[in-house]
Amino acid sequence: ENETGIQVLAIQADVSKDKDIEQVISKTLEIHPRGIDIL
């Protein structure tokens, strides 16, 4: 954020756990309901 000026969504998650991945997706969609373009 400091070096690019872009606001970043930061989520604590363990990518080996399905529920954590689901949380990353859902919290991203709360902020950006249009969807996800890049993974």
PDB file of all heavy atoms in Angstrom:
ATOM      1  N   GLU A   1       0.820  -1.212   0.000  1.00  0.00           N
ATOM      2  CA  GLU A   1       0.000   0.000   0.000  1.00  0.00           C
ATOM      3  C   GLU A   1       0.855   1.263   0.000  1.00  0.00           C
ATOM      4  O   GLU A   1       0.572   2.216  -0.741  1.00  0.00           O
ATOM      5  CB  GLU A   1      -0.930  -0.013   1.208  1.00  0.00           C
ATOM      6  CG  GLU A   1      -2.031  -1.056   1.096  1.00  0.00           C
ATOM      7  CD  GLU A   1      -2.989  -1.062   2.269  1.00  0.00           C
ATOM      8  OE1 GLU A   1      -2.639  -0.509   3.339  1.00  0.00           O
ATOM      9  OE2 GLU A   1      -4.097  -1.624   2.118  1.00  0.00           O
ATOM     10  N   ASN A   2       1.904   1.265   0.793  1.00  0.00           N
ATOM     11  CA  ASN A   2       2.748   2.463   0.889  1.00  0.00           C
ATOM     12  C   ASN A   2       3.496   2.755  -0.399  1.00  0.00           C
ATOM     13  O   ASN A   2       3.728   3.922  -0.752  1.00  0.00           O
ATOM     14  CB  ASN A   2       3.747   2.323   2.041  1.00  0.00           C
ATOM     15  CG  ASN A   2       3.086   2.405   3.400  1.00  0.00           C
ATOM     16  OD1 ASN A   2       1.962   2.907   3.527  1.00  0.00           O
ATOM     17  ND2 ASN A   2       3.761   1.907   4.432  1.00  0.00           N
ATOM     18  N   GLU A   3       3.880   1.694  -1.110  1.00  0.00           N
ATOM     19  CA  GLU A   3       4.719   1.895  -2.298  1.00  0.00           C
ATOM     20  C   GLU A   3       3.940   1.933  -3.608  1.00  0.00           C
ATOM     21  O   GLU A   3       4.480   2.362  -4.628  1.00  0.00           O
ATOM     22  CB  GLU A   3       5.795   0.806  -2.349  1.00  0.00           C
ATOM     23  CG  GLU A   3       6.762   0.880  -1.161  1.00  0.00           C
ATOM     24  CD  GLU A   3       7.903  -0.110  -1.255  1.00  0.00           C
ATOM     25  OE1 GLU A   3       8.324  -0.432  -2.388  1.00  0.00           O
ATOM     26  OE2 GLU A   3       8.382  -0.568  -0.192  1.00  0.00           O
ATOM     27  N   THR A   4       2.677   1.475  -3.589  1.00  0.00           N
ATOM     28  CA  THR A   4       1.888   1.479  -4.832  1.00  0.00           C
ATOM     29  C   THR A   4       0.662   2.380  -4.754  1.00  0.00           C
ATOM     30  O   THR A   4       0.108   2.758  -5.794  1.00  0.00           O
ATOM     31  CB  THR A   4       1.411   0.064  -5.196  1.00  0.00           C
ATOM     32  OG1 THR A   4       0.413  -0.376  -4.257  1.00  0.00           O
ATOM     33  CG2 THR A   4       2.572  -0.920  -5.232  1.00  0.00           C
ATOM     34  N   GLY A   5       0.210   2.677  -3.540  1.00  0.00           N
ATOM     35  CA  GLY A   5      -1.004   3.472  -3.395  1.00  0.00           C
ATOM     36  C   GLY A   5      -2.279   2.681  -3.592  1.00  0.00           C
ATOM     37  O   GLY A   5      -3.381   3.248  -3.584  1.00  0.00           O
ATOM     38  N   ILE A   6      -2.164   1.374  -3.764  1.00  0.00           N
ATOM     39  CA  ILE A   6      -3.330   0.506  -3.957  1.00  0.00           C
ATOM     40  C   ILE A   6      -3.709  -0.130  -2.624  1.00  0.00           C
ATOM     41  O   ILE A   6      -2.859  -0.688  -1.931  1.00  0.00           O
ATOM     42  CB  ILE A   6      -3.030  -0.591  -4.987  1.00  0.00           C
ATOM     43  CG1 ILE A   6      -2.711   0.029  -6.350  1.00  0.00           C
ATOM     44  CG2 ILE A   6      -4.191  -1.576  -5.095  1.00  0.00           C
ATOM     45  CD1 ILE A   6      -3.860   0.739  -7.012  1.00  0.00           C
ATOM     46  N   GLN A   7      -5.000  -0.058  -2.275  1.00  0.00           N
ATOM     47  CA  GLN A   7      -5.452  -0.684  -1.036  1.00  0.00           C
ATOM     48  C   GLN A   7      -5.478  -2.200  -1.207  1.00  0.00           C
ATOM     49  O   GLN A   7      -5.984  -2.731  -2.210  1.00  0.00           O
ATOM     50  CB  GLN A   7      -6.837  -0.173  -0.645  1.00  0.00           C
ATOM     51  CG  GLN A   7      -7.271  -0.623   0.739  1.00  0.00           C
ATOM     52  CD  GLN A   7      -8.516   0.087   1.234  1.00  0.00           C
ATOM     53  OE1 GLN A   7      -9.098   0.901   0.516  1.00  0.00           O
ATOM     54  NE2 GLN A   7      -8.917  -0.204   2.464  1.00  0.00           N
ATOM     55  N   VAL A   8      -4.942  -2.897  -0.231  1.00  0.00           N
ATOM     56  CA  VAL A   8      -4.791  -4.355  -0.296  1.00  0.00           C
ATOM     57  C   VAL A   8      -5.684  -5.007   0.750  1.00  0.00           C
ATOM     58  O   VAL A   8      -5.751  -4.552   1.898  1.00  0.00           O
ATOM     59  CB  VAL A   8      -3.312  -4.745  -0.049  1.00  0.00           C
ATOM     60  CG1 VAL A   8      -3.156  -6.258   0.049  1.00  0.00           C
ATOM     61  CG2 VAL A   8      -2.430  -4.192  -1.163  1.00  0.00           C
ATOM     62  N   LEU A   9      -6.361  -6.081   0.353  1.00  0.00           N
ATOM     63  CA  LEU A   9      -7.121  -6.895   1.294  1.00  0.00           C
ATOM     64  C   LEU A   9      -6.219  -8.023   1.777  1.00  0.00           C
ATOM     65  O   LEU A   9      -5.716  -8.810   0.964  1.00  0.00           O
ATOM     66  CB  LEU A   9      -8.364  -7.457   0.614  1.00  0.00           C
ATOM     67  CG  LEU A   9      -9.276  -8.353   1.468  1.00  0.00           C
ATOM     68  CD1 LEU A   9      -9.796  -7.591   2.680  1.00  0.00           C
ATOM     69  CD2 LEU A   9     -10.430  -8.883   0.622  1.00  0.00           C
ATOM     70  N   ALA A  10      -5.997  -8.097   3.087  1.00  0.00           N
ATOM     71  CA  ALA A  10      -5.103  -9.102   3.669  1.00  0.00           C
ATOM     72  C   ALA A  10      -5.912 -10.039   4.559  1.00  0.00           C
ATOM     73  O   ALA A  10      -6.604  -9.589   5.475  1.00  0.00           O
ATOM     74  CB  ALA A  10      -4.001  -8.426   4.473  1.00  0.00           C
ATOM     75  N   ILE A  11      -5.817 -11.344   4.289  1.00  0.00           N
ATOM     76  CA  ILE A  11      -6.625 -12.335   4.995  1.00  0.00           C
ATOM     77  C   ILE A  11      -5.728 -13.447   5.523  1.00  0.00           C
ATOM     78  O   ILE A  11      -4.951 -14.040   4.758  1.00  0.00           O
ATOM     79  CB  ILE A  11      -7.698 -12.936   4.060  1.00  0.00           C
ATOM     80  CG1 ILE A  11      -8.579 -11.826   3.485  1.00  0.00           C
ATOM     81  CG2 ILE A  11      -8.534 -13.981   4.802  1.00  0.00           C
ATOM     82  CD1 ILE A  11      -9.498 -12.285   2.377  1.00  0.00           C
ATOM     83  N   GLN A  12      -5.854 -13.746   6.798  1.00  0.00           N
ATOM     84  CA  GLN A  12      -5.088 -14.846   7.372  1.00  0.00           C
ATOM     85  C   GLN A  12      -5.717 -16.159   6.926  1.00  0.00           C
ATOM     86  O   GLN A  12      -6.915 -16.384   7.124  1.00  0.00           O
ATOM     87  CB  GLN A  12      -5.080 -14.752   8.897  1.00  0.00           C
ATOM     88  CG  GLN A  12      -4.139 -15.736   9.568  1.00  0.00           C
ATOM     89  CD  GLN A  12      -4.005 -15.498  11.062  1.00  0.00           C
ATOM     90  OE1 GLN A  12      -4.783 -14.744  11.651  1.00  0.00           O
ATOM     91  NE2 GLN A  12      -3.034 -16.134  11.687  1.00  0.00           N
ATOM     92  N   ALA A  13      -4.913 -17.019   6.321  1.00  0.00           N
ATOM     93  CA  ALA A  13      -5.459 -18.269   5.787  1.00  0.00           C
ATOM     94  C   ALA A  13      -4.360 -19.296   5.581  1.00  0.00           C
ATOM     95  O   ALA A  13      -3.221 -18.951   5.250  1.00  0.00           O
ATOM     96  CB  ALA A  13      -6.170 -18.013   4.457  1.00  0.00           C
ATOM     97  N   ASP A  14      -4.727 -20.553   5.766  1.00  0.00           N
ATOM     98  CA  ASP A  14      -3.875 -21.700   5.458  1.00  0.00           C
ATOM     99  C   ASP A  14      -4.428 -22.328   4.190  1.00  0.00           C
ATOM    100  O   ASP A  14      -5.538 -22.875   4.189  1.00  0.00           O
ATOM    101  CB  ASP A  14      -3.923 -22.691   6.629  1.00  0.00           C
ATOM    102  CG  ASP A  14      -3.071 -23.935   6.406  1.00  0.00           C
ATOM    103  OD1 ASP A  14      -2.660 -24.181   5.257  1.00  0.00           O
ATOM    104  OD2 ASP A  14      -2.836 -24.668   7.382  1.00  0.00           O
ATOM    105  N   VAL A  15      -3.682 -22.247   3.089  1.00  0.00           N
ATOM    106  CA  VAL A  15      -4.217 -22.687   1.799  1.00  0.00           C
ATOM    107  C   VAL A  15      -4.384 -24.201   1.694  1.00  0.00           C
ATOM    108  O   VAL A  15      -4.952 -24.697   0.723  1.00  0.00           O
ATOM    109  CB  VAL A  15      -3.368 -22.166   0.615  1.00  0.00           C
ATOM    110  CG1 VAL A  15      -3.351 -20.651   0.592  1.00  0.00           C
ATOM    111  CG2 VAL A  15      -1.958 -22.744   0.645  1.00  0.00           C
ATOM    112  N   SER A  16      -3.926 -24.940   2.688  1.00  0.00           N
ATOM    113  CA  SER A  16      -4.164 -26.385   2.689  1.00  0.00           C
ATOM    114  C   SER A  16      -5.533 -26.735   3.268  1.00  0.00           C
ATOM    115  O   SER A  16      -5.935 -27.901   3.265  1.00  0.00           O
ATOM    116  CB  SER A  16      -3.074 -27.121   3.471  1.00  0.00           C
ATOM    117  OG  SER A  16      -3.149 -26.830   4.855  1.00  0.00           O
ATOM    118  N   LYS A  17      -6.287 -25.710   3.732  1.00  0.00           N
ATOM    119  CA  LYS A  17      -7.591 -25.936   4.352  1.00  0.00           C
ATOM    120  C   LYS A  17      -8.696 -25.316   3.504  1.00  0.00           C
ATOM    121  O   LYS A  17      -8.662 -24.127   3.197  1.00  0.00           O
ATOM    122  CB  LYS A  17      -7.615 -25.344   5.759  1.00  0.00           C
ATOM    123  CG  LYS A  17      -6.620 -26.011   6.710  1.00  0.00           C
ATOM    124  CD  LYS A  17      -6.655 -25.376   8.086  1.00  0.00           C
ATOM    125  CE  LYS A  17      -5.675 -26.072   9.027  1.00  0.00           C
ATOM    126  NZ  LYS A  17      -5.647 -25.446  10.371  1.00  0.00           N
ATOM    127  N   ASP A  18      -9.674 -26.131   3.161  1.00  0.00           N
ATOM    128  CA  ASP A  18     -10.747 -25.683   2.285  1.00  0.00           C
ATOM    129  C   ASP A  18     -11.518 -24.512   2.886  1.00  0.00           C
ATOM    130  O   ASP A  18     -11.857 -23.559   2.184  1.00  0.00           O
ATOM    131  CB  ASP A  18     -11.697 -26.842   1.993  1.00  0.00           C
ATOM    132  CG  ASP A  18     -12.749 -26.480   0.965  1.00  0.00           C
ATOM    133  OD1 ASP A  18     -12.379 -26.157  -0.177  1.00  0.00           O
ATOM    134  OD2 ASP A  18     -13.957 -26.484   1.306  1.00  0.00           O
ATOM    135  N   LYS A  19     -11.788 -24.550   4.189  1.00  0.00           N
ATOM    136  CA  LYS A  19     -12.564 -23.469   4.815  1.00  0.00           C
ATOM    137  C   LYS A  19     -11.818 -22.141   4.755  1.00  0.00           C
ATOM    138  O   LYS A  19     -12.442 -21.077   4.636  1.00  0.00           O
ATOM    139  CB  LYS A  19     -12.942 -23.823   6.247  1.00  0.00           C
ATOM    140  CG  LYS A  19     -11.778 -23.945   7.209  1.00  0.00           C
ATOM    141  CD  LYS A  19     -12.263 -24.289   8.610  1.00  0.00           C
ATOM    142  CE  LYS A  19     -11.114 -24.433   9.595  1.00  0.00           C
ATOM    143  NZ  LYS A  19     -10.297 -23.200   9.742  1.00  0.00           N
ATOM    144  N   ASP A  20     -10.485 -22.192   4.820  1.00  0.00           N
ATOM    145  CA  ASP A  20      -9.703 -20.962   4.730  1.00  0.00           C
ATOM    146  C   ASP A  20      -9.725 -20.403   3.316  1.00  0.00           C
ATOM    147  O   ASP A  20      -9.807 -19.173   3.112  1.00  0.00           O
ATOM    148  CB  ASP A  20      -8.262 -21.215   5.176  1.00  0.00           C
ATOM    149  CG  ASP A  20      -8.135 -21.348   6.689  1.00  0.00           C
ATOM    150  OD1 ASP A  20      -9.158 -21.603   7.361  1.00  0.00           O
ATOM    151  OD2 ASP A  20      -7.014 -21.218   7.206  1.00  0.00           O
ATOM    152  N   ILE A  21      -9.642 -21.280   2.327  1.00  0.00           N
ATOM    153  CA  ILE A  21      -9.742 -20.829   0.935  1.00  0.00           C
ATOM    154  C   ILE A  21     -11.114 -20.199   0.682  1.00  0.00           C
ATOM    155  O   ILE A  21     -11.221 -19.149   0.035  1.00  0.00           O
ATOM    156  CB  ILE A  21      -9.484 -22.007  -0.030  1.00  0.00           C
ATOM    157  CG1 ILE A  21      -8.013 -22.429   0.058  1.00  0.00           C
ATOM    158  CG2 ILE A  21      -9.867 -21.641  -1.465  1.00  0.00           C
ATOM    159  CD1 ILE A  21      -7.668 -23.654  -0.753  1.00  0.00           C
ATOM    160  N   GLU A  22     -12.154 -20.835   1.203  1.00  0.00           N
ATOM    161  CA  GLU A  22     -13.502 -20.289   1.062  1.00  0.00           C
ATOM    162  C   GLU A  22     -13.589 -18.897   1.676  1.00  0.00           C
ATOM    163  O   GLU A  22     -14.223 -17.995   1.116  1.00  0.00           O
ATOM    164  CB  GLU A  22     -14.505 -21.218   1.741  1.00  0.00           C
ATOM    165  CG  GLU A  22     -15.954 -20.789   1.602  1.00  0.00           C
ATOM    166  CD  GLU A  22     -16.416 -20.756   0.160  1.00  0.00           C
ATOM    167  OE1 GLU A  22     -16.186 -21.749  -0.556  1.00  0.00           O
ATOM    168  OE2 GLU A  22     -16.991 -19.714  -0.250  1.00  0.00           O
ATOM    169  N   GLN A  23     -12.904 -18.690   2.796  1.00  0.00           N
ATOM    170  CA  GLN A  23     -12.914 -17.382   3.442  1.00  0.00           C
ATOM    171  C   GLN A  23     -12.200 -16.330   2.591  1.00  0.00           C
ATOM    172  O   GLN A  23     -12.663 -15.188   2.488  1.00  0.00           O
ATOM    173  CB  GLN A  23     -12.247 -17.486   4.818  1.00  0.00           C
ATOM    174  CG  GLN A  23     -12.298 -16.206   5.626  1.00  0.00           C
ATOM    175  CD  GLN A  23     -11.648 -16.357   6.986  1.00  0.00           C
ATOM    176  OE1 GLN A  23     -10.497 -16.789   7.094  1.00  0.00           O
ATOM    177  NE2 GLN A  23     -12.365 -16.010   8.034  1.00  0.00           N
ATOM    178  N   VAL A  24     -11.088 -16.704   1.988  1.00  0.00           N
ATOM    179  CA  VAL A  24     -10.377 -15.770   1.104  1.00  0.00           C
ATOM    180  C   VAL A  24     -11.281 -15.337  -0.045  1.00  0.00           C
ATOM    181  O   VAL A  24     -11.373 -14.145  -0.379  1.00  0.00           O
ATOM    182  CB  VAL A  24      -9.082 -16.408   0.565  1.00  0.00           C
ATOM    183  CG1 VAL A  24      -8.440 -15.524  -0.500  1.00  0.00           C
ATOM    184  CG2 VAL A  24      -8.093 -16.660   1.700  1.00  0.00           C
ATOM    185  N   ILE A  25     -11.976 -16.306  -0.639  1.00  0.00           N
ATOM    186  CA  ILE A  25     -12.866 -15.998  -1.764  1.00  0.00           C
ATOM    187  C   ILE A  25     -14.022 -15.103  -1.307  1.00  0.00           C
ATOM    188  O   ILE A  25     -14.317 -14.066  -1.922  1.00  0.00           O
ATOM    189  CB  ILE A  25     -13.426 -17.291  -2.383  1.00  0.00           C
ATOM    190  CG1 ILE A  25     -12.299 -18.213  -2.865  1.00  0.00           C
ATOM    191  CG2 ILE A  25     -14.400 -16.956  -3.521  1.00  0.00           C
ATOM    192  CD1 ILE A  25     -11.512 -17.717  -4.019  1.00  0.00           C
ATOM    193  N   SER A  26     -14.685 -15.499  -0.228  1.00  0.00           N
ATOM    194  CA  SER A  26     -15.891 -14.774   0.202  1.00  0.00           C
ATOM    195  C   SER A  26     -15.571 -13.351   0.648  1.00  0.00           C
ATOM    196  O   SER A  26     -16.319 -12.405   0.336  1.00  0.00           O
ATOM    197  CB  SER A  26     -16.608 -15.544   1.312  1.00  0.00           C
ATOM    198  OG  SER A  26     -15.794 -15.670   2.459  1.00  0.00           O
ATOM    199  N   LYS A  27     -14.464 -13.170   1.372  1.00  0.00           N
ATOM    200  CA  LYS A  27     -14.104 -11.824   1.819  1.00  0.00           C
ATOM    201  C   LYS A  27     -13.694 -10.935   0.644  1.00  0.00           C
ATOM    202  O   LYS A  27     -13.956  -9.727   0.647  1.00  0.00           O
ATOM    203  CB  LYS A  27     -12.994 -11.894   2.856  1.00  0.00           C
ATOM    204  CG  LYS A  27     -13.474 -12.406   4.206  1.00  0.00           C
ATOM    205  CD  LYS A  27     -12.412 -12.245   5.282  1.00  0.00           C
ATOM    206  CE  LYS A  27     -12.955 -12.622   6.652  1.00  0.00           C
ATOM    207  NZ  LYS A  27     -11.965 -12.431   7.733  1.00  0.00           N
ATOM    208  N   THR A  28     -13.065 -11.530  -0.363  1.00  0.00           N
ATOM    209  CA  THR A  28     -12.731 -10.765  -1.568  1.00  0.00           C
ATOM    210  C   THR A  28     -14.000 -10.314  -2.276  1.00  0.00           C
ATOM    211  O   THR A  28     -14.111  -9.164  -2.716  1.00  0.00           O
ATOM    212  CB  THR A  28     -11.858 -11.605  -2.515  1.00  0.00           C
ATOM    213  OG1 THR A  28     -10.644 -11.970  -1.842  1.00  0.00           O
ATOM    214  CG2 THR A  28     -11.513 -10.832  -3.774  1.00  0.00           C
ATOM    215  N   LEU A  29     -14.985 -11.207  -2.355  1.00  0.00           N
ATOM    216  CA  LEU A  29     -16.230 -10.876  -3.040  1.00  0.00           C
ATOM    217  C   LEU A  29     -17.065  -9.860  -2.270  1.00  0.00           C
ATOM    218  O   LEU A  29     -17.847  -9.111  -2.873  1.00  0.00           O
ATOM    219  CB  LEU A  29     -17.041 -12.145  -3.287  1.00  0.00           C
ATOM    220  CG  LEU A  29     -16.428 -13.125  -4.298  1.00  0.00           C
ATOM    221  CD1 LEU A  29     -17.227 -14.415  -4.344  1.00  0.00           C
ATOM    222  CD2 LEU A  29     -16.349 -12.497  -5.695  1.00  0.00           C
ATOM    223  N   GLU A  30     -16.921  -9.817  -0.953  1.00  0.00           N
ATOM    224  CA  GLU A  30     -17.609  -8.783  -0.174  1.00  0.00           C
ATOM    225  C   GLU A  30     -17.149  -7.394  -0.589  1.00  0.00           C
ATOM    226  O   GLU A  30     -17.946  -6.453  -0.660  1.00  0.00           O
ATOM    227  CB  GLU A  30     -17.338  -8.976   1.320  1.00  0.00           C
ATOM    228  CG  GLU A  30     -18.081 -10.143   1.954  1.00  0.00           C
ATOM    229  CD  GLU A  30     -17.686 -10.342   3.408  1.00  0.00           C
ATOM    230  OE1 GLU A  30     -17.014  -9.442   3.976  1.00  0.00           O
ATOM    231  OE2 GLU A  30     -18.032 -11.389   3.979  1.00  0.00           O
ATOM    232  N   ILE A  31     -15.858  -7.276  -0.872  1.00  0.00           N
ATOM    233  CA  ILE A  31     -15.290  -5.983  -1.280  1.00  0.00           C
ATOM    234  C   ILE A  31     -15.450  -5.753  -2.776  1.00  0.00           C
ATOM    235  O   ILE A  31     -15.674  -4.622  -3.231  1.00  0.00           O
ATOM    236  CB  ILE A  31     -13.790  -5.923  -0.897  1.00  0.00           C
ATOM    237  CG1 ILE A  31     -13.592  -6.204   0.584  1.00  0.00           C
ATOM    238  CG2 ILE A  31     -13.187  -4.565  -1.272  1.00  0.00           C
ATOM    239  CD1 ILE A  31     -14.244  -5.207   1.507  1.00  0.00           C
ATOM    240  N   HIS A  32     -15.351  -6.831  -3.548  1.00  0.00           N
ATOM    241  CA  HIS A  32     -15.397  -6.730  -5.012  1.00  0.00           C
ATOM    242  C   HIS A  32     -16.446  -7.705  -5.551  1.00  0.00           C
ATOM    243  O   HIS A  32     -16.100  -8.774  -6.095  1.00  0.00           O
ATOM    244  CB  HIS A  32     -14.019  -7.053  -5.607  1.00  0.00           C
ATOM    245  CG  HIS A  32     -12.888  -6.281  -5.015  1.00  0.00           C
ATOM    246  ND1 HIS A  32     -12.778  -4.905  -5.132  1.00  0.00           N
ATOM    247  CD2 HIS A  32     -11.817  -6.680  -4.282  1.00  0.00           C
ATOM    248  CE1 HIS A  32     -11.679  -4.496  -4.517  1.00  0.00           C
ATOM    249  NE2 HIS A  32     -11.085  -5.553  -3.986  1.00  0.00           N
ATOM    250  N   PRO A  33     -17.732  -7.392  -5.419  1.00  0.00           N
ATOM    251  CA  PRO A  33     -18.793  -8.343  -5.795  1.00  0.00           C
ATOM    252  C   PRO A  33     -18.844  -8.681  -7.280  1.00  0.00           C
ATOM    253  O   PRO A  33     -19.487  -9.669  -7.659  1.00  0.00           O
ATOM    254  CB  PRO A  33     -20.072  -7.635  -5.337  1.00  0.00           C
ATOM    255  CG  PRO A  33     -19.712  -6.179  -5.233  1.00  0.00           C
ATOM    256  CD  PRO A  33     -18.274  -6.143  -4.843  1.00  0.00           C
ATOM    257  N   ARG A  34     -18.171  -7.899  -8.106  1.00  0.00           N
ATOM    258  CA  ARG A  34     -18.181  -8.181  -9.545  1.00  0.00           C
ATOM    259  C   ARG A  34     -17.560  -9.532  -9.862  1.00  0.00           C
ATOM    260  O   ARG A  34     -17.878 -10.180 -10.856  1.00  0.00           O
ATOM    261  CB  ARG A  34     -17.428  -7.065 -10.284  1.00  0.00           C
ATOM    262  CG  ARG A  34     -17.345  -7.240 -11.787  1.00  0.00           C
ATOM    263  CD  ARG A  34     -16.607  -6.074 -12.425  1.00  0.00           C
ATOM    264  NE  ARG A  34     -15.277  -5.907 -11.898  1.00  0.00           N
ATOM    265  CZ  ARG A  34     -14.233  -6.662 -12.296  1.00  0.00           C
ATOM    266  NH1 ARG A  34     -14.400  -7.631 -13.168  1.00  0.00           N
ATOM    267  NH2 ARG A  34     -13.040  -6.433 -11.789  1.00  0.00           N
ATOM    268  N   GLY A  35     -16.642  -9.983  -9.009  1.00  0.00           N
ATOM    269  CA  GLY A  35     -16.006 -11.280  -9.244  1.00  0.00           C
ATOM    270  C   GLY A  35     -14.500 -11.198  -9.195  1.00  0.00           C
ATOM    271  O   GLY A  35     -13.926 -10.142  -8.893  1.00  0.00           O
ATOM    272  N   ILE A  36     -13.860 -12.303  -9.502  1.00  0.00           N
ATOM    273  CA  ILE A  36     -12.401 -12.417  -9.421  1.00  0.00           C
ATOM    274  C   ILE A  36     -11.857 -12.642 -10.828  1.00  0.00           C
ATOM    275  O   ILE A  36     -12.314 -13.538 -11.550  1.00  0.00           O
ATOM    276  CB  ILE A  36     -12.014 -13.575  -8.480  1.00  0.00           C
ATOM    277  CG1 ILE A  36     -12.473 -13.239  -7.059  1.00  0.00           C
ATOM    278  CG2 ILE A  36     -10.508 -13.832  -8.517  1.00  0.00           C
ATOM    279  CD1 ILE A  36     -12.708 -14.435  -6.189  1.00  0.00           C
ATOM    280  N   ASP A  37     -10.890 -11.820 -11.210  1.00  0.00           N
ATOM    281  CA  ASP A  37     -10.349 -11.864 -12.567  1.00  0.00           C
ATOM    282  C   ASP A  37      -9.049 -12.657 -12.669  1.00  0.00           C
ATOM    283  O   ASP A  37      -8.788 -13.290 -13.696  1.00  0.00           O
ATOM    284  CB  ASP A  37     -10.071 -10.435 -13.060  1.00  0.00           C
ATOM    285  CG  ASP A  37     -11.307  -9.555 -13.004  1.00  0.00           C
ATOM    286  OD1 ASP A  37     -12.280  -9.872 -13.708  1.00  0.00           O
ATOM    287  OD2 ASP A  37     -11.304  -8.554 -12.258  1.00  0.00           O
ATOM    288  N   ILE A  38      -8.229 -12.562 -11.632  1.00  0.00           N
ATOM    289  CA  ILE A  38      -6.874 -13.132 -11.674  1.00  0.00           C
ATOM    290  C   ILE A  38      -6.660 -13.987 -10.437  1.00  0.00           C
ATOM    291  O   ILE A  38      -6.966 -13.568  -9.323  1.00  0.00           O
ATOM    292  CB  ILE A  38      -5.816 -12.009 -11.725  1.00  0.00           C
ATOM    293  CG1 ILE A  38      -5.938 -11.203 -13.021  1.00  0.00           C
ATOM    294  CG2 ILE A  38      -4.407 -12.577 -11.567  1.00  0.00           C
ATOM    295  CD1 ILE A  38      -5.167  -9.885 -12.990  1.00  0.00           C
ATOM    296  N   LEU A  39      -6.129 -15.184 -10.646  1.00  0.00           N
ATOM    297  CA  LEU A  39      -5.761 -16.055  -9.536  1.00  0.00           C
ATOM    298  C   LEU A  39      -4.326 -16.512  -9.729  1.00  0.00           C
ATOM    299  O   LEU A  39      -3.974 -17.043 -10.786  1.00  0.00           O
ATOM    300  CB  LEU A  39      -6.682 -17.278  -9.487  1.00  0.00           C
ATOM    301  CG  LEU A  39      -6.271 -18.392  -8.518  1.00  0.00           C
ATOM    302  CD1 LEU A  39      -6.327 -17.907  -7.070  1.00  0.00           C
ATOM    303  CD2 LEU A  39      -7.158 -19.620  -8.706  1.00  0.00           C
TER     304      LEU A  39
END
